[in-house]
Amino acid sequence: MKQAVFGDFIAKRRGAEGEKRIAKIADLACSGTSAVPIKNLYLPWPDGRTCQIDELIIADSGIYVIEMKNYKGWIFGNEKNQYWTQVLSSGYYGESIKNRLYNPIRQNASHVYCIRKNLKGYKGPIHSLIVFSNEAEFKDITVCSSDVYVLNQSRIHDVFQLIADKHKNCLTADEIQDIKAQLYQVAIPADEKRHVENIKMHIADQEDKLEKGICPRCGANLVLRSVKKGNNAGASFIACSRYPECKYTHSL
C-alpha cells in the first residue's frame, strides 16, 4: 500500500512538473508583447460550481484558453466523442495499455463558455488550445472547430504566431487590461479540494440524468439517433430532443 501511495505521489508530481514546463513555454511564446498571462484561474458557475483554468492569456489577437495535458504515448480522439484514448506501448508483460481520458476539447469548451458568461458583453475571439507534452504522439485526432487547436508543447510558439497573424489587433492594450480586471473581479480563491469535489458531484449528476434519459445540459428528453454520413455512418448516439437549440450528444 505504501508503494502504491508513493507511486501515485510521484506520478502526480511529474504531471505537475510537466504542466509547469508547458506553462513556461506558453509564457515565453507571448513574451515581448502586450499579452497578459493568468495562471490557475478559478471562475464561478451560476450553480455554485467552480471552473479551473490552467492558463489564460489575453493578447491583442484575443483570449487564449490553455488546457495542459502531460500525457505520453499514442493519443486517439474525436472532438465529438465524450472520451479519448491513450495507448502506452508496453505494460508489465509487453502488452499495450489503454487508458480513457475525458475529451479535453469538451473540457476546455466548458472553460470558454464560463469565461464568456463572466465577461459580460465580450464578443471577441477565444482560442482553445489543448497542449500535450512532447512525449504524446497524435495517432487519430479529429478537430472540426476552427478555434480549437490540439498540439504538442513544441508547437506552442508556431500556433500562437498562426493565431496572432489571423486575428491581429482584435483588442487594444486598454481592452486587454479591462478584461484582466473583469476576470480578477469575479475570480474566486483557489481551492483545489473543493473544485475536485464539485467535479465529482457534477459527473455523478450527469450520469444519473443519462440513466434517466434526461439531457444533462438543459433537462429535456434524450433521443436515440444515428450518424447519417461519414466514416461513422450508421453508428448510434444519444442526442438532446431540443436540437439544434441544445447540441448535447453522447456517443454509445
Foldseek 3Di string as FASTA:
>chain_A
DVVVVVVVVVVVVVFVVQLVVLVVLLCVLCPPFLKDKDAFFWFADPVGAIQTFGMWIQHLLGIEGEDEDADAAEKADELQAQKIWHWDQQDPVRHIDIDIDGRVNVSVVVVVVRLPVQPPPDPHDYAYEYEYAPRYDYDHYHDDDPRYYYYYSVCSNVVVVVSCVVRPRNDDSVRNVVSVVSSVVRTDDDDPVRNVVSVVVLVVQCVVCVVVQAHSPPGAGKDKDAACDDPRGGAIWIAGPPPPVDGDIHHD
